[in-house]
């Protein structure tokens, strides 16, 4: 966990309190960050592919790839 320490610097004339946050990262926090990033990216890709699937375009050009498909009459 992050540790919060405070100290009063005796050299300050107004007795300002300085806070110092110890940011030590471990494998758990890095793993949580990477997994949340991958889940967010996967959600974005799923939304994009869902919209492409529902579209009625016959030719799709996206991210360097292209596709020509037969769209039936609805």
PDB file of N, CA and C in Angstrom:
ATOM      1  N   UNK A   1       0.833  -1.184   0.000  1.00  0.00           N
ATOM      2  CA  UNK A   1       0.000   0.000   0.000  1.00  0.00           C
ATOM      3  C   UNK A   1       0.878   1.248   0.000  1.00  0.00           C
ATOM      4  N   UNK A   2       0.267   2.328  -0.424  1.00  0.00           N
ATOM      5  CA  UNK A   2       0.981   3.596  -0.413  1.00  0.00           C
ATOM      6  C   UNK A   2       1.060   4.111   1.011  1.00  0.00           C
ATOM      7  N   UNK A   3       2.172   4.691   1.317  1.00  0.00           N
ATOM      8  CA  UNK A   3       2.371   5.231   2.655  1.00  0.00           C
ATOM      9  C   UNK A   3       2.429   6.748   2.552  1.00  0.00           C
ATOM     10  N   UNK A   4       1.742   7.401   3.479  1.00  0.00           N
ATOM     11  CA  UNK A   4       1.721   8.851   3.513  1.00  0.00           C
ATOM     12  C   UNK A   4       2.424   9.298   4.773  1.00  0.00           C
ATOM     13  N   UNK A   5       3.459  10.089   4.603  1.00  0.00           N
ATOM     14  CA  UNK A   5       4.167  10.596   5.770  1.00  0.00           C
ATOM     15  C   UNK A   5       4.168  12.116   5.721  1.00  0.00           C
ATOM     16  N   UNK A   6       4.124  12.706   6.881  1.00  0.00           N
ATOM     17  CA  UNK A   6       4.157  14.163   6.950  1.00  0.00           C
ATOM     18  C   UNK A   6       5.268  14.572   7.897  1.00  0.00           C
ATOM     19  N   UNK A   7       5.793  15.755   7.648  1.00  0.00           N
ATOM     20  CA  UNK A   7       6.843  16.277   8.517  1.00  0.00           C
ATOM     21  C   UNK A   7       6.788  17.788   8.505  1.00  0.00           C
ATOM     22  N   UNK A   8       7.212  18.362   9.589  1.00  0.00           N
ATOM     23  CA  UNK A   8       7.293  19.813   9.687  1.00  0.00           C
ATOM     24  C   UNK A   8       8.767  20.187   9.602  1.00  0.00           C
ATOM     25  N   UNK A   9       9.074  21.025   8.652  1.00  0.00           N
ATOM     26  CA  UNK A   9      10.453  21.469   8.462  1.00  0.00           C
ATOM     27  C   UNK A   9      10.729  22.602   9.442  1.00  0.00           C
ATOM     28  N   UNK A  10      11.658  22.412  10.361  1.00  0.00           N
ATOM     29  CA  UNK A  10      11.923  23.465  11.361  1.00  0.00           C
ATOM     30  C   UNK A  10      12.529  24.721  10.760  1.00  0.00           C
ATOM     31  N   UNK A  11      13.055  24.612   9.546  1.00  0.00           N
ATOM     32  CA  UNK A  11      13.659  25.795   8.926  1.00  0.00           C
ATOM     33  C   UNK A  11      12.616  26.734   8.345  1.00  0.00           C
ATOM     34  N   UNK A  12      11.369  26.233   8.126  1.00  0.00           N
ATOM     35  CA  UNK A  12      10.313  27.094   7.596  1.00  0.00           C
ATOM     36  C   UNK A  12       9.782  27.983   8.710  1.00  0.00           C
ATOM     37  N   UNK A  13       9.654  29.255   8.400  1.00  0.00           N
ATOM     38  CA  UNK A  13       9.175  30.185   9.418  1.00  0.00           C
ATOM     39  C   UNK A  13       7.663  30.069   9.626  1.00  0.00           C
ATOM     40  N   UNK A  14       6.935  29.592   8.601  1.00  0.00           N
ATOM     41  CA  UNK A  14       5.481  29.496   8.742  1.00  0.00           C
ATOM     42  C   UNK A  14       5.021  28.087   9.119  1.00  0.00           C
ATOM     43  N   UNK A  15       5.979  27.195   9.483  1.00  0.00           N
ATOM     44  CA  UNK A  15       5.679  25.824   9.904  1.00  0.00           C
ATOM     45  C   UNK A  15       4.789  25.083   8.901  1.00  0.00           C
ATOM     46  N   UNK A  16       5.174  25.131   7.645  1.00  0.00           N
ATOM     47  CA  UNK A  16       4.445  24.441   6.594  1.00  0.00           C
ATOM     48  C   UNK A  16       4.611  22.936   6.758  1.00  0.00           C
ATOM     49  N   UNK A  17       3.514  22.210   6.623  1.00  0.00           N
ATOM     50  CA  UNK A  17       3.563  20.753   6.697  1.00  0.00           C
ATOM     51  C   UNK A  17       3.760  20.208   5.284  1.00  0.00           C
ATOM     52  N   UNK A  18       4.794  19.419   5.088  1.00  0.00           N
ATOM     53  CA  UNK A  18       5.093  18.820   3.793  1.00  0.00           C
ATOM     54  C   UNK A  18       4.650  17.366   3.809  1.00  0.00           C
ATOM     55  N   UNK A  19       3.897  16.956   2.798  1.00  0.00           N
ATOM     56  CA  UNK A  19       3.447  15.576   2.684  1.00  0.00           C
ATOM     57  C   UNK A  19       4.274  14.877   1.625  1.00  0.00           C
ATOM     58  N   UNK A  20       4.678  13.665   1.920  1.00  0.00           N
ATOM     59  CA  UNK A  20       5.468  12.883   0.979  1.00  0.00           C
ATOM     60  C   UNK A  20       4.780  11.531   0.809  1.00  0.00           C
ATOM     61  N   UNK A  21       4.446  11.194  -0.428  1.00  0.00           N
ATOM     62  CA  UNK A  21       3.746   9.954  -0.730  1.00  0.00           C
ATOM     63  C   UNK A  21       4.743   8.938  -1.261  1.00  0.00           C
ATOM     64  N   UNK A  22       4.826   7.812  -0.590  1.00  0.00           N
ATOM     65  CA  UNK A  22       5.727   6.748  -1.015  1.00  0.00           C
ATOM     66  C   UNK A  22       5.019   5.917  -2.078  1.00  0.00           C
ATOM     67  N   UNK A  23       5.492   5.989  -3.314  1.00  0.00           N
ATOM     68  CA  UNK A  23       4.843   5.303  -4.431  1.00  0.00           C
ATOM     69  C   UNK A  23       5.659   4.091  -4.843  1.00  0.00           C
ATOM     70  N   UNK A  24       5.596   3.059  -4.059  1.00  0.00           N
ATOM     71  CA  UNK A  24       6.302   1.837  -4.419  1.00  0.00           C
ATOM     72  C   UNK A  24       5.328   0.926  -5.162  1.00  0.00           C
ATOM     73  N   UNK A  25       5.662   0.585  -6.387  1.00  0.00           N
ATOM     74  CA  UNK A  25       4.817  -0.264  -7.217  1.00  0.00           C
ATOM     75  C   UNK A  25       5.233  -1.711  -7.040  1.00  0.00           C
ATOM     76  N   UNK A  26       4.272  -2.605  -7.022  1.00  0.00           N
ATOM     77  CA  UNK A  26       4.577  -4.024  -6.967  1.00  0.00           C
ATOM     78  C   UNK A  26       3.849  -4.724  -8.109  1.00  0.00           C
ATOM     79  N   UNK A  27       4.003  -6.021  -8.207  1.00  0.00           N
ATOM     80  CA  UNK A  27       3.420  -6.750  -9.330  1.00  0.00           C
ATOM     81  C   UNK A  27       1.898  -6.729  -9.306  1.00  0.00           C
ATOM     82  N   UNK A  28       1.305  -6.622  -8.149  1.00  0.00           N
ATOM     83  CA  UNK A  28      -0.158  -6.594  -8.077  1.00  0.00           C
ATOM     84  C   UNK A  28      -0.717  -5.334  -8.719  1.00  0.00           C
ATOM     85  N   UNK A  29      -0.163  -4.176  -8.390  1.00  0.00           N
ATOM     86  CA  UNK A  29      -0.680  -2.934  -8.959  1.00  0.00           C
ATOM     87  C   UNK A  29      -0.392  -2.848 -10.449  1.00  0.00           C
ATOM     88  N   UNK A  30       0.751  -3.333 -10.875  1.00  0.00           N
ATOM     89  CA  UNK A  30       1.070  -3.334 -12.305  1.00  0.00           C
ATOM     90  C   UNK A  30       0.127  -4.288 -13.036  1.00  0.00           C
ATOM     91  N   UNK A  31      -0.161  -5.443 -12.448  1.00  0.00           N
ATOM     92  CA  UNK A  31      -1.081  -6.401 -13.058  1.00  0.00           C
ATOM     93  C   UNK A  31      -2.493  -5.851 -13.174  1.00  0.00           C
ATOM     94  N   UNK A  32      -2.939  -5.146 -12.151  1.00  0.00           N
ATOM     95  CA  UNK A  32      -4.271  -4.530 -12.197  1.00  0.00           C
ATOM     96  C   UNK A  32      -4.328  -3.477 -13.289  1.00  0.00           C
ATOM     97  N   UNK A  33      -3.292  -2.673 -13.412  1.00  0.00           N
ATOM     98  CA  UNK A  33      -3.247  -1.645 -14.456  1.00  0.00           C
ATOM     99  C   UNK A  33      -3.267  -2.259 -15.845  1.00  0.00           C
ATOM    100  N   UNK A  34      -2.448  -3.275 -16.082  1.00  0.00           N
ATOM    101  CA  UNK A  34      -2.373  -3.905 -17.403  1.00  0.00           C
ATOM    102  C   UNK A  34      -3.693  -4.593 -17.740  1.00  0.00           C
ATOM    103  N   UNK A  35      -4.290  -5.293 -16.785  1.00  0.00           N
ATOM    104  CA  UNK A  35      -5.552  -5.979 -17.076  1.00  0.00           C
ATOM    105  C   UNK A  35      -6.682  -4.990 -17.333  1.00  0.00           C
ATOM    106  N   UNK A  36      -6.730  -3.884 -16.604  1.00  0.00           N
ATOM    107  CA  UNK A  36      -7.774  -2.892 -16.866  1.00  0.00           C
ATOM    108  C   UNK A  36      -7.573  -2.233 -18.224  1.00  0.00           C
ATOM    109  N   UNK A  37      -6.325  -2.024 -18.606  1.00  0.00           N
ATOM    110  CA  UNK A  37      -6.042  -1.460 -19.918  1.00  0.00           C
ATOM    111  C   UNK A  37      -6.475  -2.408 -21.025  1.00  0.00           C
ATOM    112  N   UNK A  38      -6.181  -3.700 -20.873  1.00  0.00           N
ATOM    113  CA  UNK A  38      -6.575  -4.690 -21.880  1.00  0.00           C
ATOM    114  C   UNK A  38      -8.094  -4.852 -21.949  1.00  0.00           C
ATOM    115  N   UNK A  39      -8.768  -4.824 -20.802  1.00  0.00           N
ATOM    116  CA  UNK A  39     -10.221  -4.921 -20.811  1.00  0.00           C
ATOM    117  C   UNK A  39     -10.868  -3.717 -21.489  1.00  0.00           C
ATOM    118  N   UNK A  40     -10.330  -2.536 -21.252  1.00  0.00           N
ATOM    119  CA  UNK A  40     -10.862  -1.338 -21.906  1.00  0.00           C
ATOM    120  C   UNK A  40     -10.645  -1.391 -23.408  1.00  0.00           C
ATOM    121  N   UNK A  41      -9.470  -1.808 -23.825  1.00  0.00           N
ATOM    122  CA  UNK A  41      -9.172  -1.931 -25.248  1.00  0.00           C
ATOM    123  C   UNK A  41     -10.070  -2.978 -25.897  1.00  0.00           C
ATOM    124  N   UNK A  42     -10.281  -4.104 -25.223  1.00  0.00           N
ATOM    125  CA  UNK A  42     -11.170  -5.141 -25.749  1.00  0.00           C
ATOM    126  C   UNK A  42     -12.600  -4.653 -25.880  1.00  0.00           C
ATOM    127  N   UNK A  43     -13.055  -3.853 -24.928  1.00  0.00           N
ATOM    128  CA  UNK A  43     -14.399  -3.278 -25.012  1.00  0.00           C
ATOM    129  C   UNK A  43     -14.543  -2.335 -26.190  1.00  0.00           C
ATOM    130  N   UNK A  44     -13.522  -1.523 -26.441  1.00  0.00           N
ATOM    131  CA  UNK A  44     -13.558  -0.600 -27.585  1.00  0.00           C
ATOM    132  C   UNK A  44     -13.594  -1.370 -28.903  1.00  0.00           C
ATOM    133  N   UNK A  45     -12.780  -2.403 -29.002  1.00  0.00           N
ATOM    134  CA  UNK A  45     -12.765  -3.207 -30.223  1.00  0.00           C
ATOM    135  C   UNK A  45     -14.108  -3.901 -30.421  1.00  0.00           C
ATOM    136  N   UNK A  46     -14.722  -4.391 -29.342  1.00  0.00           N
ATOM    137  CA  UNK A  46     -16.024  -5.052 -29.445  1.00  0.00           C
ATOM    138  C   UNK A  46     -17.100  -4.080 -29.932  1.00  0.00           C
ATOM    139  N   UNK A  47     -17.070  -2.838 -29.453  1.00  0.00           N
ATOM    140  CA  UNK A  47     -18.052  -1.845 -29.885  1.00  0.00           C
ATOM    141  C   UNK A  47     -17.860  -1.523 -31.363  1.00  0.00           C
ATOM    142  N   UNK A  48     -16.617  -1.367 -31.798  1.00  0.00           N
ATOM    143  CA  UNK A  48     -16.345  -1.060 -33.208  1.00  0.00           C
ATOM    144  C   UNK A  48     -16.806  -2.203 -34.104  1.00  0.00           C
ATOM    145  N   UNK A  49     -16.487  -3.442 -33.736  1.00  0.00           N
ATOM    146  CA  UNK A  49     -16.901  -4.582 -34.562  1.00  0.00           C
ATOM    147  C   UNK A  49     -18.417  -4.760 -34.558  1.00  0.00           C
ATOM    148  N   UNK A  50     -19.066  -4.431 -33.469  1.00  0.00           N
ATOM    149  CA  UNK A  50     -20.526  -4.499 -33.415  1.00  0.00           C
ATOM    150  C   UNK A  50     -21.155  -3.496 -34.382  1.00  0.00           C
ATOM    151  N   UNK A  51     -20.590  -2.298 -34.426  1.00  0.00           N
ATOM    152  CA  UNK A  51     -21.113  -1.287 -35.354  1.00  0.00           C
ATOM    153  C   UNK A  51     -20.862  -1.674 -36.804  1.00  0.00           C
ATOM    154  N   UNK A  52     -19.723  -2.272 -37.094  1.00  0.00           N
ATOM    155  CA  UNK A  52     -19.429  -2.723 -38.459  1.00  0.00           C
ATOM    156  C   UNK A  52     -20.405  -3.826 -38.852  1.00  0.00           C
ATOM    157  N   UNK A  53     -20.708  -4.701 -37.934  1.00  0.00           N
ATOM    158  CA  UNK A  53     -21.622  -5.810 -38.212  1.00  0.00           C
ATOM    159  C   UNK A  53     -23.038  -5.309 -38.506  1.00  0.00           C
ATOM    160  N   UNK A  54     -23.480  -4.276 -37.797  1.00  0.00           N
ATOM    161  CA  UNK A  54     -24.832  -3.749 -37.996  1.00  0.00           C
ATOM    162  C   UNK A  54     -24.940  -2.801 -39.187  1.00  0.00           C
ATOM    163  N   UNK A  55     -23.828  -2.368 -39.728  1.00  0.00           N
ATOM    164  CA  UNK A  55     -23.884  -1.409 -40.835  1.00  0.00           C
ATOM    165  C   UNK A  55     -24.369  -2.088 -42.119  1.00  0.00           C
ATOM    166  N   UNK A  56     -24.819  -1.304 -43.068  1.00  0.00           N
ATOM    167  CA  UNK A  56     -25.303  -1.814 -44.349  1.00  0.00           C
ATOM    168  C   UNK A  56     -24.357  -1.450 -45.495  1.00  0.00           C
ATOM    169  N   UNK A  57     -23.120  -1.145 -45.161  1.00  0.00           N
ATOM    170  CA  UNK A  57     -22.140  -0.806 -46.191  1.00  0.00           C
ATOM    171  C   UNK A  57     -21.686  -2.067 -46.906  1.00  0.00           C
ATOM    172  N   UNK A  58     -21.510  -1.961 -48.210  1.00  0.00           N
ATOM    173  CA  UNK A  58     -21.051  -3.117 -48.971  1.00  0.00           C
ATOM    174  C   UNK A  58     -19.529  -3.208 -48.981  1.00  0.00           C
ATOM    175  N   UNK A  59     -18.858  -2.062 -48.898  1.00  0.00           N
ATOM    176  CA  UNK A  59     -17.393  -2.061 -48.887  1.00  0.00           C
ATOM    177  C   UNK A  59     -16.927  -1.354 -47.623  1.00  0.00           C
ATOM    178  N   UNK A  60     -16.078  -2.030 -46.875  1.00  0.00           N
ATOM    179  CA  UNK A  60     -15.584  -1.480 -45.610  1.00  0.00           C
ATOM    180  C   UNK A  60     -14.067  -1.372 -45.687  1.00  0.00           C
ATOM    181  N   UNK A  61     -13.538  -0.191 -45.432  1.00  0.00           N
ATOM    182  CA  UNK A  61     -12.099   0.053 -45.344  1.00  0.00           C
ATOM    183  C   UNK A  61     -11.805   0.569 -43.941  1.00  0.00           C
ATOM    184  N   UNK A  62     -11.012  -0.187 -43.187  1.00  0.00           N
ATOM    185  CA  UNK A  62     -10.735   0.203 -41.811  1.00  0.00           C
ATOM    186  C   UNK A  62      -9.350  -0.286 -41.404  1.00  0.00           C
ATOM    187  N   UNK A  63      -8.535   0.577 -40.876  1.00  0.00           N
ATOM    188  CA  UNK A  63      -7.221   0.252 -40.325  1.00  0.00           C
ATOM    189  C   UNK A  63      -6.341  -0.537 -41.299  1.00  0.00           C
ATOM    190  N   UNK A  64      -6.340  -0.140 -42.535  1.00  0.00           N
ATOM    191  CA  UNK A  64      -5.477  -0.793 -43.521  1.00  0.00           C
ATOM    192  C   UNK A  64      -6.070  -2.041 -44.122  1.00  0.00           C
ATOM    193  N   UNK A  65      -7.223  -2.479 -43.656  1.00  0.00           N
ATOM    194  CA  UNK A  65      -7.880  -3.666 -44.217  1.00  0.00           C
ATOM    195  C   UNK A  65      -9.128  -3.260 -44.950  1.00  0.00           C
ATOM    196  N   UNK A  66      -9.513  -4.058 -45.922  1.00  0.00           N
ATOM    197  CA  UNK A  66     -10.738  -3.755 -46.658  1.00  0.00           C
ATOM    198  C   UNK A  66     -11.522  -5.041 -46.867  1.00  0.00           C
ATOM    199  N   UNK A  67     -12.816  -4.865 -47.073  1.00  0.00           N
ATOM    200  CA  UNK A  67     -13.703  -6.016 -47.196  1.00  0.00           C
ATOM    201  C   UNK A  67     -14.880  -5.626 -48.070  1.00  0.00           C
ATOM    202  N   UNK A  68     -15.253  -6.481 -48.982  1.00  0.00           N
ATOM    203  CA  UNK A  68     -16.466  -6.295 -49.779  1.00  0.00           C
ATOM    204  C   UNK A  68     -17.399  -7.426 -49.403  1.00  0.00           C
ATOM    205  N   UNK A  69     -18.612  -7.075 -48.988  1.00  0.00           N
ATOM    206  CA  UNK A  69     -19.523  -8.106 -48.519  1.00  0.00           C
ATOM    207  C   UNK A  69     -20.886  -7.959 -49.167  1.00  0.00           C
ATOM    208  N   UNK A  70     -21.604  -9.043 -49.149  1.00  0.00           N
ATOM    209  CA  UNK A  70     -22.940  -9.082 -49.717  1.00  0.00           C
ATOM    210  C   UNK A  70     -23.939  -8.799 -48.592  1.00  0.00           C
ATOM    211  N   UNK A  71     -24.613  -7.655 -48.681  1.00  0.00           N
ATOM    212  CA  UNK A  71     -25.574  -7.266 -47.658  1.00  0.00           C
ATOM    213  C   UNK A  71     -26.962  -7.585 -48.202  1.00  0.00           C
ATOM    214  N   UNK A  72     -27.676  -8.447 -47.487  1.00  0.00           N
ATOM    215  CA  UNK A  72     -29.011  -8.824 -47.919  1.00  0.00           C
ATOM    216  C   UNK A  72     -30.006  -7.707 -47.690  1.00  0.00           C
ATOM    217  N   UNK A  73     -31.153  -7.773 -48.388  1.00  0.00           N
ATOM    218  CA  UNK A  73     -32.197  -6.772 -48.254  1.00  0.00           C
ATOM    219  C   UNK A  73     -32.976  -7.071 -46.975  1.00  0.00           C
ATOM    220  N   UNK A  74     -33.150  -6.010 -46.164  1.00  0.00           N
ATOM    221  CA  UNK A  74     -33.869  -6.190 -44.897  1.00  0.00           C
ATOM    222  C   UNK A  74     -35.193  -5.486 -44.981  1.00  0.00           C
TER     223      UNK A  74
END
